[in-house]
C-alpha atoms as a PDB file:
ATOM      1  CA  UNK A   1     176.096 -65.038 300.858  1.00  0.00           C
ATOM      2  CA  UNK A   2     175.897 -65.573 304.581  1.00  0.00           C
ATOM      3  CA  UNK A   3     173.953 -68.759 305.111  1.00  0.00           C
ATOM      4  CA  UNK A   4     173.363 -67.832 308.752  1.00  0.00           C
ATOM      5  CA  UNK A   5     171.132 -65.027 307.537  1.00  0.00           C
ATOM      6  CA  UNK A   6     169.126 -67.347 305.290  1.00  0.00           C
ATOM      7  CA  UNK A   7     168.069 -70.536 307.014  1.00  0.00           C
ATOM      8  CA  UNK A   8     166.224 -71.582 303.889  1.00  0.00           C
ATOM      9  CA  UNK A   9     169.239 -71.119 301.626  1.00  0.00           C
ATOM     10  CA  UNK A  10     170.284 -73.968 299.359  1.00  0.00           C
ATOM     11  CA  UNK A  11     173.529 -74.248 297.400  1.00  0.00           C
ATOM     12  CA  UNK A  12     172.982 -73.270 293.767  1.00  0.00           C
ATOM     13  CA  UNK A  13     174.201 -76.584 292.374  1.00  0.00           C
ATOM     14  CA  UNK A  14     172.016 -78.569 294.748  1.00  0.00           C
ATOM     15  CA  UNK A  15     169.045 -76.435 293.799  1.00  0.00           C
ATOM     16  CA  UNK A  16     169.602 -77.180 290.095  1.00  0.00           C
ATOM     17  CA  UNK A  17     169.824 -80.914 290.781  1.00  0.00           C
ATOM     18  CA  UNK A  18     166.642 -80.753 292.851  1.00  0.00           C
ATOM     19  CA  UNK A  19     164.783 -79.062 290.014  1.00  0.00           C
ATOM     20  CA  UNK A  20     166.108 -81.645 287.589  1.00  0.00           C
ATOM     21  CA  UNK A  21     164.716 -84.463 289.684  1.00  0.00           C
ATOM     22  CA  UNK A  22     161.388 -82.710 290.195  1.00  0.00           C
ATOM     23  CA  UNK A  23     160.785 -81.426 286.691  1.00  0.00           C
ATOM     24  CA  UNK A  24     162.254 -84.387 284.851  1.00  0.00           C
ATOM     25  CA  UNK A  25     164.467 -82.295 282.595  1.00  0.00           C
ATOM     26  CA  UNK A  26     168.031 -82.870 281.523  1.00  0.00           C
ATOM     27  CA  UNK A  27     171.128 -81.514 283.224  1.00  0.00           C
ATOM     28  CA  UNK A  28     171.961 -79.624 280.031  1.00  0.00           C
ATOM     29  CA  UNK A  29     168.587 -77.911 280.098  1.00  0.00           C
ATOM     30  CA  UNK A  30     169.009 -76.912 283.714  1.00  0.00           C
ATOM     31  CA  UNK A  31     172.453 -75.495 283.029  1.00  0.00           C
ATOM     32  CA  UNK A  32     170.687 -73.246 280.581  1.00  0.00           C
ATOM     33  CA  UNK A  33     168.196 -72.365 283.298  1.00  0.00           C
ATOM     34  CA  UNK A  34     171.094 -71.432 285.550  1.00  0.00           C
ATOM     35  CA  UNK A  35     172.330 -68.879 283.051  1.00  0.00           C
ATOM     36  CA  UNK A  36     174.611 -70.767 280.681  1.00  0.00           C
ATOM     37  CA  UNK A  37     174.237 -70.165 276.961  1.00  0.00           C
ATOM     38  CA  UNK A  38     172.067 -72.533 275.014  1.00  0.00           C
ATOM     39  CA  UNK A  39     170.673 -72.686 271.487  1.00  0.00           C
ATOM     40  CA  UNK A  40     167.928 -70.126 270.921  1.00  0.00           C
ATOM     41  CA  UNK A  41     164.445 -71.513 270.522  1.00  0.00           C
ATOM     42  CA  UNK A  42     161.991 -70.410 267.897  1.00  0.00           C
ATOM     43  CA  UNK A  43     158.963 -68.700 269.483  1.00  0.00           C
ATOM     44  CA  UNK A  44     155.685 -67.608 267.878  1.00  0.00           C
ATOM     45  CA  UNK A  45     156.046 -63.919 267.037  1.00  0.00           C
ATOM     46  CA  UNK A  46     152.626 -63.021 268.400  1.00  0.00           C
ATOM     47  CA  UNK A  47     153.453 -64.138 271.942  1.00  0.00           C
ATOM     48  CA  UNK A  48     155.588 -62.225 274.431  1.00  0.00           C
ATOM     49  CA  UNK A  49     158.430 -64.350 275.823  1.00  0.00           C
ATOM     50  CA  UNK A  50     160.732 -63.152 278.599  1.00  0.00           C
ATOM     51  CA  UNK A  51     163.347 -64.993 280.644  1.00  0.00           C
ATOM     52  CA  UNK A  52     161.952 -68.440 279.896  1.00  0.00           C
ATOM     53  CA  UNK A  53     163.984 -71.268 281.444  1.00  0.00           C
ATOM     54  CA  UNK A  54     163.512 -75.049 281.407  1.00  0.00           C
ATOM     55  CA  UNK A  55     163.112 -75.119 285.189  1.00  0.00           C
ATOM     56  CA  UNK A  56     159.753 -73.287 285.005  1.00  0.00           C
ATOM     57  CA  UNK A  57     156.441 -73.699 283.184  1.00  0.00           C
ATOM     58  CA  UNK A  58     154.565 -70.861 281.477  1.00  0.00           C
ATOM     59  CA  UNK A  59     150.999 -69.898 280.575  1.00  0.00           C
ATOM     60  CA  UNK A  60     149.580 -67.165 278.349  1.00  0.00           C
ATOM     61  CA  UNK A  61     148.022 -64.575 280.642  1.00  0.00           C
ATOM     62  CA  UNK A  62     144.652 -63.602 279.218  1.00  0.00           C
ATOM     63  CA  UNK A  63     144.592 -61.244 276.259  1.00  0.00           C
ATOM     64  CA  UNK A  64     148.006 -59.812 277.167  1.00  0.00           C
ATOM     65  CA  UNK A  65     149.693 -62.571 275.073  1.00  0.00           C
ATOM     66  CA  UNK A  66     152.430 -62.587 277.705  1.00  0.00           C
ATOM     67  CA  UNK A  67     153.766 -66.046 278.531  1.00  0.00           C
ATOM     68  CA  UNK A  68     153.929 -65.692 282.305  1.00  0.00           C
ATOM     69  CA  UNK A  69     155.824 -68.025 284.574  1.00  0.00           C
ATOM     70  CA  UNK A  70     153.195 -70.036 286.430  1.00  0.00           C
ATOM     71  CA  UNK A  71     154.761 -68.752 289.626  1.00  0.00           C
ATOM     72  CA  UNK A  72     154.744 -64.972 290.054  1.00  0.00           C
ATOM     73  CA  UNK A  73     157.103 -63.380 292.530  1.00  0.00           C
ATOM     74  CA  UNK A  74     155.011 -61.290 294.918  1.00  0.00           C
ATOM     75  CA  UNK A  75     157.263 -58.392 295.866  1.00  0.00           C
ATOM     76  CA  UNK A  76     154.816 -56.257 297.823  1.00  0.00           C
ATOM     77  CA  UNK A  77     155.116 -57.990 301.179  1.00  0.00           C
ATOM     78  CA  UNK A  78     158.511 -59.615 300.678  1.00  0.00           C
ATOM     79  CA  UNK A  79     160.340 -56.368 299.906  1.00  0.00           C
ATOM     80  CA  UNK A  80     158.463 -54.370 302.530  1.00  0.00           C
ATOM     81  CA  UNK A  81     161.041 -52.131 304.158  1.00  0.00           C
ATOM     82  CA  UNK A  82     163.772 -53.085 301.630  1.00  0.00           C
ATOM     83  CA  UNK A  83     164.200 -56.646 302.898  1.00  0.00           C
ATOM     84  CA  UNK A  84     165.086 -59.863 301.031  1.00  0.00           C
ATOM     85  CA  UNK A  85     166.533 -58.157 297.957  1.00  0.00           C
ATOM     86  CA  UNK A  86     168.879 -61.052 297.096  1.00  0.00           C
ATOM     87  CA  UNK A  87     166.035 -63.496 296.604  1.00  0.00           C
ATOM     88  CA  UNK A  88     164.961 -61.647 293.454  1.00  0.00           C
ATOM     89  CA  UNK A  89     168.031 -62.784 291.538  1.00  0.00           C
ATOM     90  CA  UNK A  90     167.494 -66.406 292.536  1.00  0.00           C
ATOM     91  CA  UNK A  91     163.904 -66.176 291.285  1.00  0.00           C
ATOM     92  CA  UNK A  92     165.083 -64.699 287.989  1.00  0.00           C
ATOM     93  CA  UNK A  93     167.710 -67.414 287.643  1.00  0.00           C
ATOM     94  CA  UNK A  94     165.023 -70.081 287.997  1.00  0.00           C
ATOM     95  CA  UNK A  95     162.887 -68.606 285.213  1.00  0.00           C
ATOM     96  CA  UNK A  96     160.382 -66.441 287.058  1.00  0.00           C
ATOM     97  CA  UNK A  97     159.620 -63.631 284.634  1.00  0.00           C
ATOM     98  CA  UNK A  98     156.647 -61.931 286.332  1.00  0.00           C
ATOM     99  CA  UNK A  99     157.091 -59.633 289.349  1.00  0.00           C
ATOM    100  CA  UNK A 100     154.214 -57.958 291.143  1.00  0.00           C
ATOM    101  CA  UNK A 101     154.479 -55.087 293.608  1.00  0.00           C
ATOM    102  CA  UNK A 102     152.145 -52.589 295.280  1.00  0.00           C
ATOM    103  CA  UNK A 103     151.778 -48.898 295.956  1.00  0.00           C
ATOM    104  CA  UNK A 104     153.522 -47.067 298.779  1.00  0.00           C
ATOM    105  CA  UNK A 105     150.282 -46.690 300.717  1.00  0.00           C
ATOM    106  CA  UNK A 106     149.915 -50.420 301.311  1.00  0.00           C
ATOM    107  CA  UNK A 107     153.466 -51.727 300.876  1.00  0.00           C
ATOM    108  CA  UNK A 108     155.897 -49.122 302.086  1.00  0.00           C
ATOM    109  CA  UNK A 109     159.253 -49.291 300.309  1.00  0.00           C
ATOM    110  CA  UNK A 110     158.488 -52.331 298.128  1.00  0.00           C
ATOM    111  CA  UNK A 111     158.493 -50.545 294.776  1.00  0.00           C
ATOM    112  CA  UNK A 112     161.627 -48.571 295.621  1.00  0.00           C
ATOM    113  CA  UNK A 113     163.357 -51.785 296.672  1.00  0.00           C
ATOM    114  CA  UNK A 114     162.370 -53.441 293.399  1.00  0.00           C
ATOM    115  CA  UNK A 115     163.671 -50.558 291.245  1.00  0.00           C
ATOM    116  CA  UNK A 116     167.348 -51.646 290.915  1.00  0.00           C
ATOM    117  CA  UNK A 117     166.320 -55.190 289.944  1.00  0.00           C
ATOM    118  CA  UNK A 118     163.850 -53.806 287.426  1.00  0.00           C
ATOM    119  CA  UNK A 119     166.521 -51.597 285.906  1.00  0.00           C
ATOM    120  CA  UNK A 120     168.909 -54.530 285.562  1.00  0.00           C
ATOM    121  CA  UNK A 121     166.387 -56.850 283.875  1.00  0.00           C
ATOM    122  CA  UNK A 122     163.772 -54.538 282.335  1.00  0.00           C
ATOM    123  CA  UNK A 123     163.560 -56.197 278.915  1.00  0.00           C
ATOM    124  CA  UNK A 124     163.435 -59.700 280.381  1.00  0.00           C
ATOM    125  CA  UNK A 125     160.661 -59.410 282.951  1.00  0.00           C
ATOM    126  CA  UNK A 126     157.022 -58.382 283.265  1.00  0.00           C
ATOM    127  CA  UNK A 127     156.279 -55.784 285.952  1.00  0.00           C
ATOM    128  CA  UNK A 128     152.904 -55.159 287.540  1.00  0.00           C
ATOM    129  CA  UNK A 129     151.791 -53.071 290.477  1.00  0.00           C
ATOM    130  CA  UNK A 130     148.517 -51.969 292.015  1.00  0.00           C
ATOM    131  CA  UNK A 131     146.727 -49.387 294.129  1.00  0.00           C
ATOM    132  CA  UNK A 132     143.412 -49.040 295.895  1.00  0.00           C
ATOM    133  CA  UNK A 133     140.853 -46.655 294.454  1.00  0.00           C
ATOM    134  CA  UNK A 134     140.676 -44.858 297.794  1.00  0.00           C
ATOM    135  CA  UNK A 135     141.936 -45.138 301.336  1.00  0.00           C
ATOM    136  CA  UNK A 136     138.413 -45.967 302.540  1.00  0.00           C
ATOM    137  CA  UNK A 137     136.890 -49.437 302.223  1.00  0.00           C
ATOM    138  CA  UNK A 138     133.744 -49.359 300.073  1.00  0.00           C
ATOM    139  CA  UNK A 139     131.156 -52.010 300.954  1.00  0.00           C
ATOM    140  CA  UNK A 140     130.147 -54.558 298.274  1.00  0.00           C
ATOM    141  CA  UNK A 141     126.707 -53.104 297.552  1.00  0.00           C
ATOM    142  CA  UNK A 142     127.311 -49.445 298.352  1.00  0.00           C
ATOM    143  CA  UNK A 143     126.201 -47.158 295.501  1.00  0.00           C
ATOM    144  CA  UNK A 144     128.869 -45.168 293.686  1.00  0.00           C
ATOM    145  CA  UNK A 145     128.041 -41.648 292.588  1.00  0.00           C
ATOM    146  CA  UNK A 146     129.615 -39.940 289.600  1.00  0.00           C
ATOM    147  CA  UNK A 147     131.563 -37.730 291.978  1.00  0.00           C
ATOM    148  CA  UNK A 148     132.845 -40.747 293.913  1.00  0.00           C
ATOM    149  CA  UNK A 149     133.889 -42.453 290.667  1.00  0.00           C
ATOM    150  CA  UNK A 150     135.773 -39.386 289.443  1.00  0.00           C
ATOM    151  CA  UNK A 151     137.530 -39.067 292.797  1.00  0.00           C
ATOM    152  CA  UNK A 152     138.499 -42.757 292.677  1.00  0.00           C
ATOM    153  CA  UNK A 153     139.825 -42.367 289.130  1.00  0.00           C
ATOM    154  CA  UNK A 154     141.985 -39.392 290.117  1.00  0.00           C
ATOM    155  CA  UNK A 155     143.287 -41.285 293.137  1.00  0.00           C
ATOM    156  CA  UNK A 156     144.208 -44.302 290.989  1.00  0.00           C
ATOM    157  CA  UNK A 157     146.029 -42.066 288.493  1.00  0.00           C
ATOM    158  CA  UNK A 158     147.924 -40.361 291.299  1.00  0.00           C
ATOM    159  CA  UNK A 159     149.015 -43.723 292.689  1.00  0.00           C
ATOM    160  CA  UNK A 160     150.099 -44.958 289.239  1.00  0.00           C
ATOM    161  CA  UNK A 161     152.301 -41.903 288.804  1.00  0.00           C
ATOM    162  CA  UNK A 162     153.762 -42.398 292.274  1.00  0.00           C
ATOM    163  CA  UNK A 163     154.448 -46.061 291.519  1.00  0.00           C
ATOM    164  CA  UNK A 164     156.277 -45.174 288.313  1.00  0.00           C
ATOM    165  CA  UNK A 165     158.441 -42.765 290.272  1.00  0.00           C
ATOM    166  CA  UNK A 166     159.165 -45.322 292.988  1.00  0.00           C
ATOM    167  CA  UNK A 167     160.002 -47.999 290.407  1.00  0.00           C
ATOM    168  CA  UNK A 168     162.198 -45.501 288.512  1.00  0.00           C
ATOM    169  CA  UNK A 169     160.530 -46.339 285.233  1.00  0.00           C
ATOM    170  CA  UNK A 170     158.228 -44.635 282.754  1.00  0.00           C
ATOM    171  CA  UNK A 171     156.155 -47.727 282.046  1.00  0.00           C
ATOM    172  CA  UNK A 172     154.701 -50.789 283.782  1.00  0.00           C
ATOM    173  CA  UNK A 173     153.264 -53.764 281.962  1.00  0.00           C
ATOM    174  CA  UNK A 174     150.129 -53.841 284.121  1.00  0.00           C
ATOM    175  CA  UNK A 175     148.600 -51.747 286.885  1.00  0.00           C
ATOM    176  CA  UNK A 176     145.626 -53.013 288.881  1.00  0.00           C
ATOM    177  CA  UNK A 177     142.860 -51.546 290.936  1.00  0.00           C
ATOM    178  CA  UNK A 178     143.358 -53.333 294.236  1.00  0.00           C
ATOM    179  CA  UNK A 179     141.082 -54.897 296.840  1.00  0.00           C
ATOM    180  CA  UNK A 180     137.893 -54.527 294.808  1.00  0.00           C
ATOM    181  CA  UNK A 181     134.714 -55.870 296.395  1.00  0.00           C
ATOM    182  CA  UNK A 182     132.187 -53.325 295.129  1.00  0.00           C
ATOM    183  CA  UNK A 183     130.763 -54.417 291.776  1.00  0.00           C
ATOM    184  CA  UNK A 184     129.700 -50.879 290.826  1.00  0.00           C
ATOM    185  CA  UNK A 185     133.340 -49.768 290.838  1.00  0.00           C
ATOM    186  CA  UNK A 186     134.254 -52.494 288.365  1.00  0.00           C
ATOM    187  CA  UNK A 187     132.131 -51.002 285.595  1.00  0.00           C
ATOM    188  CA  UNK A 188     132.551 -47.263 286.122  1.00  0.00           C
ATOM    189  CA  UNK A 189     133.517 -45.496 282.893  1.00  0.00           C
ATOM    190  CA  UNK A 190     135.370 -42.783 284.821  1.00  0.00           C
ATOM    191  CA  UNK A 191     137.839 -45.300 286.225  1.00  0.00           C
ATOM    192  CA  UNK A 192     138.294 -47.131 282.944  1.00  0.00           C
ATOM    193  CA  UNK A 193     138.982 -43.801 281.225  1.00  0.00           C
ATOM    194  CA  UNK A 194     141.768 -43.167 283.741  1.00  0.00           C
ATOM    195  CA  UNK A 195     143.407 -46.385 282.564  1.00  0.00           C
ATOM    196  CA  UNK A 196     142.879 -45.562 278.883  1.00  0.00           C
ATOM    197  CA  UNK A 197     144.444 -42.133 279.389  1.00  0.00           C
ATOM    198  CA  UNK A 198     147.433 -43.677 281.150  1.00  0.00           C
ATOM    199  CA  UNK A 199     147.848 -46.248 278.396  1.00  0.00           C
ATOM    200  CA  UNK A 200     147.662 -43.552 275.720  1.00  0.00           C
ATOM    201  CA  UNK A 201     150.366 -41.648 277.593  1.00  0.00           C
ATOM    202  CA  UNK A 202     152.632 -44.713 277.453  1.00  0.00           C
ATOM    203  CA  UNK A 203     152.589 -45.324 281.195  1.00  0.00           C
ATOM    204  CA  UNK A 204     150.899 -48.739 281.349  1.00  0.00           C
ATOM    205  CA  UNK A 205     150.094 -51.587 278.998  1.00  0.00           C
ATOM    206  CA  UNK A 206     147.337 -53.593 280.662  1.00  0.00           C
ATOM    207  CA  UNK A 207     144.627 -53.280 283.278  1.00  0.00           C
ATOM    208  CA  UNK A 208     143.399 -55.646 285.929  1.00  0.00           C
ATOM    209  CA  UNK A 209     141.911 -55.910 289.388  1.00  0.00           C
ATOM    210  CA  UNK A 210     142.490 -57.778 292.623  1.00  0.00           C
ATOM    211  CA  UNK A 211     139.735 -59.062 294.882  1.00  0.00           C
ATOM    212  CA  UNK A 212     139.588 -60.782 298.259  1.00  0.00           C
ATOM    213  CA  UNK A 213     135.868 -60.491 298.968  1.00  0.00           C
ATOM    214  CA  UNK A 214     132.624 -60.841 297.004  1.00  0.00           C
ATOM    215  CA  UNK A 215     134.873 -62.397 294.379  1.00  0.00           C
ATOM    216  CA  UNK A 216     132.279 -64.229 292.298  1.00  0.00           C
ATOM    217  CA  UNK A 217     130.233 -61.095 291.703  1.00  0.00           C
ATOM    218  CA  UNK A 218     133.336 -58.981 291.097  1.00  0.00           C
ATOM    219  CA  UNK A 219     134.604 -61.408 288.460  1.00  0.00           C
ATOM    220  CA  UNK A 220     131.187 -61.628 286.824  1.00  0.00           C
ATOM    221  CA  UNK A 221     131.037 -57.824 286.656  1.00  0.00           C
ATOM    222  CA  UNK A 222     134.526 -57.702 285.133  1.00  0.00           C
ATOM    223  CA  UNK A 223     133.519 -60.248 282.487  1.00  0.00           C
ATOM    224  CA  UNK A 224     130.564 -58.098 281.421  1.00  0.00           C
ATOM    225  CA  UNK A 225     132.719 -55.011 280.841  1.00  0.00           C
ATOM    226  CA  UNK A 226     135.241 -56.644 278.510  1.00  0.00           C
ATOM    227  CA  UNK A 227     137.832 -54.216 279.913  1.00  0.00           C
ATOM    228  CA  UNK A 228     140.044 -56.333 282.147  1.00  0.00           C
ATOM    229  CA  UNK A 229     143.132 -58.217 281.010  1.00  0.00           C
ATOM    230  CA  UNK A 230     143.764 -60.052 284.276  1.00  0.00           C
ATOM    231  CA  UNK A 231     142.317 -60.620 287.722  1.00  0.00           C
ATOM    232  CA  UNK A 232     144.144 -61.546 290.913  1.00  0.00           C
ATOM    233  CA  UNK A 233     141.848 -63.471 293.244  1.00  0.00           C
ATOM    234  CA  UNK A 234     142.165 -64.764 296.780  1.00  0.00           C
ATOM    235  CA  UNK A 235     141.606 -68.487 296.284  1.00  0.00           C
ATOM    236  CA  UNK A 236     142.464 -71.887 297.745  1.00  0.00           C
ATOM    237  CA  UNK A 237     141.613 -75.502 296.898  1.00  0.00           C
ATOM    238  CA  UNK A 238     138.633 -75.053 299.257  1.00  0.00           C
ATOM    239  CA  UNK A 239     137.349 -71.983 297.364  1.00  0.00           C
ATOM    240  CA  UNK A 240     137.637 -68.223 297.731  1.00  0.00           C
ATOM    241  CA  UNK A 241     139.845 -66.748 300.460  1.00  0.00           C
ATOM    242  CA  UNK A 242     138.744 -63.615 302.305  1.00  0.00           C
ATOM    243  CA  UNK A 243     141.392 -61.135 303.415  1.00  0.00           C
ATOM    244  CA  UNK A 244     138.946 -59.746 305.955  1.00  0.00           C
ATOM    245  CA  UNK A 245     138.094 -63.000 307.762  1.00  0.00           C
ATOM    246  CA  UNK A 246     141.534 -64.544 307.062  1.00  0.00           C
ATOM    247  CA  UNK A 247     139.998 -67.818 305.905  1.00  0.00           C
ATOM    248  CA  UNK A 248     137.804 -69.286 303.173  1.00  0.00           C
ATOM    249  CA  UNK A 249     134.353 -67.718 303.687  1.00  0.00           C
ATOM    250  CA  UNK A 250     131.664 -69.972 305.132  1.00  0.00           C
ATOM    251  CA  UNK A 251     129.725 -71.612 302.343  1.00  0.00           C
ATOM    252  CA  UNK A 252     132.220 -70.783 299.603  1.00  0.00           C
ATOM    253  CA  UNK A 253     132.082 -73.214 296.675  1.00  0.00           C
ATOM    254  CA  UNK A 254     135.196 -75.337 296.374  1.00  0.00           C
ATOM    255  CA  UNK A 255     137.659 -74.504 293.645  1.00  0.00           C
ATOM    256  CA  UNK A 256     136.300 -77.398 291.611  1.00  0.00           C
ATOM    257  CA  UNK A 257     132.810 -75.902 291.843  1.00  0.00           C
ATOM    258  CA  UNK A 258     134.111 -72.467 290.806  1.00  0.00           C
ATOM    259  CA  UNK A 259     135.354 -73.733 287.474  1.00  0.00           C
ATOM    260  CA  UNK A 260     132.325 -72.323 285.632  1.00  0.00           C
ATOM    261  CA  UNK A 261     132.945 -68.687 286.552  1.00  0.00           C
ATOM    262  CA  UNK A 262     136.698 -69.127 286.136  1.00  0.00           C
ATOM    263  CA  UNK A 263     136.221 -70.584 282.655  1.00  0.00           C
ATOM    264  CA  UNK A 264     133.899 -67.722 281.725  1.00  0.00           C
ATOM    265  CA  UNK A 265     136.557 -65.234 282.821  1.00  0.00           C
ATOM    266  CA  UNK A 266     139.222 -66.970 280.789  1.00  0.00           C
ATOM    267  CA  UNK A 267     136.944 -67.117 277.739  1.00  0.00           C
ATOM    268  CA  UNK A 268     136.475 -63.342 278.144  1.00  0.00           C
ATOM    269  CA  UNK A 269     140.244 -62.845 277.899  1.00  0.00           C
ATOM    270  CA  UNK A 270     140.908 -62.379 281.612  1.00  0.00           C
ATOM    271  CA  UNK A 271     144.116 -63.983 282.856  1.00  0.00           C
ATOM    272  CA  UNK A 272     143.533 -65.563 286.277  1.00  0.00           C
ATOM    273  CA  UNK A 273     146.104 -65.138 289.041  1.00  0.00           C
ATOM    274  CA  UNK A 274     145.643 -67.009 292.313  1.00  0.00           C
ATOM    275  CA  UNK A 275     146.811 -65.346 295.524  1.00  0.00           C
ATOM    276  CA  UNK A 276     146.677 -66.233 299.235  1.00  0.00           C
ATOM    277  CA  UNK A 277     146.715 -69.861 298.093  1.00  0.00           C
ATOM    278  CA  UNK A 278     148.671 -71.238 301.044  1.00  0.00           C
ATOM    279  CA  UNK A 279     148.332 -68.552 303.692  1.00  0.00           C
ATOM    280  CA  UNK A 280     145.510 -70.304 305.596  1.00  0.00           C
ATOM    281  CA  UNK A 281     147.805 -73.257 306.252  1.00  0.00           C
ATOM    282  CA  UNK A 282     150.320 -71.138 308.161  1.00  0.00           C
ATOM    283  CA  UNK A 283     150.629 -70.551 311.925  1.00  0.00           C
ATOM    284  CA  UNK A 284     149.996 -66.832 311.393  1.00  0.00           C
ATOM    285  CA  UNK A 285     146.444 -67.557 310.239  1.00  0.00           C
ATOM    286  CA  UNK A 286     145.729 -70.663 312.318  1.00  0.00           C
ATOM    287  CA  UNK A 287     147.784 -70.418 315.525  1.00  0.00           C
ATOM    288  CA  UNK A 288     149.723 -71.915 317.124  1.00  0.00           C
ATOM    289  CA  UNK A 289     150.978 -74.412 314.529  1.00  0.00           C
ATOM    290  CA  UNK A 290     148.812 -73.785 311.517  1.00  0.00           C
ATOM    291  CA  UNK A 291     146.599 -76.353 309.844  1.00  0.00           C
ATOM    292  CA  UNK A 292     148.585 -78.040 307.029  1.00  0.00           C
ATOM    293  CA  UNK A 293     145.830 -80.611 306.479  1.00  0.00           C
ATOM    294  CA  UNK A 294     143.057 -78.027 306.024  1.00  0.00           C
ATOM    295  CA  UNK A 295     142.628 -78.799 302.315  1.00  0.00           C
ATOM    296  CA  UNK A 296     143.183 -82.559 302.422  1.00  0.00           C
ATOM    297  CA  UNK A 297     139.432 -83.169 302.177  1.00  0.00           C
ATOM    298  CA  UNK A 298     139.582 -81.695 298.680  1.00  0.00           C
ATOM    299  CA  UNK A 299     142.328 -83.986 297.353  1.00  0.00           C
ATOM    300  CA  UNK A 300     142.070 -87.543 296.130  1.00  0.00           C
ATOM    301  CA  UNK A 301     144.168 -90.239 297.758  1.00  0.00           C
ATOM    302  CA  UNK A 302     146.792 -90.382 295.018  1.00  0.00           C
ATOM    303  CA  UNK A 303     147.493 -86.667 295.237  1.00  0.00           C
ATOM    304  CA  UNK A 304     147.723 -86.804 299.029  1.00  0.00           C
ATOM    305  CA  UNK A 305     150.450 -89.426 298.597  1.00  0.00           C
ATOM    306  CA  UNK A 306     152.507 -87.167 296.324  1.00  0.00           C
ATOM    307  CA  UNK A 307     155.980 -86.058 297.498  1.00  0.00           C
ATOM    308  CA  UNK A 308     154.752 -82.453 297.722  1.00  0.00           C
ATOM    309  CA  UNK A 309     154.318 -80.858 301.126  1.00  0.00           C
ATOM    310  CA  UNK A 310     150.933 -79.276 302.067  1.00  0.00           C
ATOM    311  CA  UNK A 311     151.934 -75.845 300.769  1.00  0.00           C
ATOM    312  CA  UNK A 312     153.156 -77.256 297.461  1.00  0.00           C
ATOM    313  CA  UNK A 313     150.005 -79.338 297.084  1.00  0.00           C
ATOM    314  CA  UNK A 314     147.850 -76.242 297.471  1.00  0.00           C
ATOM    315  CA  UNK A 315     149.784 -74.422 294.730  1.00  0.00           C
ATOM    316  CA  UNK A 316     149.794 -77.392 292.364  1.00  0.00           C
ATOM    317  CA  UNK A 317     146.087 -78.061 292.831  1.00  0.00           C
ATOM    318  CA  UNK A 318     145.093 -74.460 292.186  1.00  0.00           C
ATOM    319  CA  UNK A 319     147.228 -74.310 289.050  1.00  0.00           C
ATOM    320  CA  UNK A 320     145.581 -77.405 287.628  1.00  0.00           C
ATOM    321  CA  UNK A 321     141.995 -76.494 288.541  1.00  0.00           C
ATOM    322  CA  UNK A 322     141.237 -73.202 286.859  1.00  0.00           C
ATOM    323  CA  UNK A 323     144.007 -70.697 287.612  1.00  0.00           C
ATOM    324  CA  UNK A 324     146.563 -69.691 285.014  1.00  0.00           C
ATOM    325  CA  UNK A 325     149.279 -68.700 287.472  1.00  0.00           C
ATOM    326  CA  UNK A 326     149.763 -68.148 291.201  1.00  0.00           C
ATOM    327  CA  UNK A 327     151.544 -65.391 293.051  1.00  0.00           C
ATOM    328  CA  UNK A 328     153.771 -66.387 295.930  1.00  0.00           C
ATOM    329  CA  UNK A 329     154.871 -64.310 298.900  1.00  0.00           C
ATOM    330  CA  UNK A 330     158.241 -66.043 299.291  1.00  0.00           C
ATOM    331  CA  UNK A 331     160.252 -64.693 302.193  1.00  0.00           C
ATOM    332  CA  UNK A 332     163.234 -67.034 302.109  1.00  0.00           C
ATOM    333  CA  UNK A 333     165.092 -69.223 299.646  1.00  0.00           C
ATOM    334  CA  UNK A 334     163.523 -72.444 300.872  1.00  0.00           C
ATOM    335  CA  UNK A 335     160.005 -71.149 300.241  1.00  0.00           C
ATOM    336  CA  UNK A 336     161.049 -69.954 296.804  1.00  0.00           C
ATOM    337  CA  UNK A 337     162.553 -73.297 295.871  1.00  0.00           C
ATOM    338  CA  UNK A 338     159.576 -75.297 297.125  1.00  0.00           C
ATOM    339  CA  UNK A 339     157.133 -73.076 295.248  1.00  0.00           C
ATOM    340  CA  UNK A 340     159.152 -73.337 292.037  1.00  0.00           C
ATOM    341  CA  UNK A 341     158.997 -77.125 292.222  1.00  0.00           C
ATOM    342  CA  UNK A 342     155.239 -77.023 292.823  1.00  0.00           C
ATOM    343  CA  UNK A 343     154.638 -74.717 289.843  1.00  0.00           C
ATOM    344  CA  UNK A 344     156.991 -76.593 287.540  1.00  0.00           C
ATOM    345  CA  UNK A 345     155.569 -80.037 288.281  1.00  0.00           C
ATOM    346  CA  UNK A 346     151.878 -79.372 288.954  1.00  0.00           C
ATOM    347  CA  UNK A 347     150.817 -80.733 285.568  1.00  0.00           C
ATOM    348  CA  UNK A 348     152.413 -84.113 286.300  1.00  0.00           C
ATOM    349  CA  UNK A 349     149.912 -84.903 289.088  1.00  0.00           C
ATOM    350  CA  UNK A 350     146.703 -84.457 287.122  1.00  0.00           C
ATOM    351  CA  UNK A 351     145.581 -86.037 283.871  1.00  0.00           C
END
């Protein structure tokens, strides 16, 4: 590997030692995480275990019974235009077993770029993708007619079939309706039937949604249906994160104050996936240098003194305050390694 092309690259051996120090596990265990043979562990038959390594922590994702790595590799943006393919193998080596992509409409080339990796590791990883219900944004309180719902259902089915073709597979573990902010869409029978038909045809195992706006009401609507296995939400330590405003909405409850709705979702069998957890800290969102201290007001003094950097603190805090897992858009090896450490050690900072 050409290190000049990867400024965040770290030697494999050094990476393993770093994880050992961070996670507090033995060298023998981390050799196993690096791919060396180790004694098989006995796992409960009812749970789904894939590519579990000592360098990562895992959480059951809602009613899927899948033990997901607490860090999901977000492929949609990272693999846009067939970039950063090599980072997938490093993620797999470290125990990440959950990979999430997106349809061609929003993330051109990402699913096609993921296909060879999926083929190589199909039985050891969990694959999810997603698609909007239309190419037009539907406002949060806009009414949905039966005709609109049927059109949305057909569009979703068309995108699922296209995603399967791009991924070169006949089946994905989960396929989401993406960017939901309209609560009426969440409970439309026509759209749910599209999922049930796809599941009956052996194309998909589980259903979920993603939301960046009007999230509380969207999650509450999903809870009432009893249909959704997981939900991917834009969230930070300071509360919800809006994709449209590119920051936590004014007046959003903090993550601590959102625990009630998050707990209700989990009790309803919905696995909770945090996304956009660190993006507000970056220069892209808060030019020119970003705002790494934006969430410090949320943390107690002990946590602020932790060895984690601001991005790692955001991930660790979210994981320990209501979210099952987080998805990371990791564009270089350094970001991947830092996020792995945050996910693997988050539980050590909170009682």
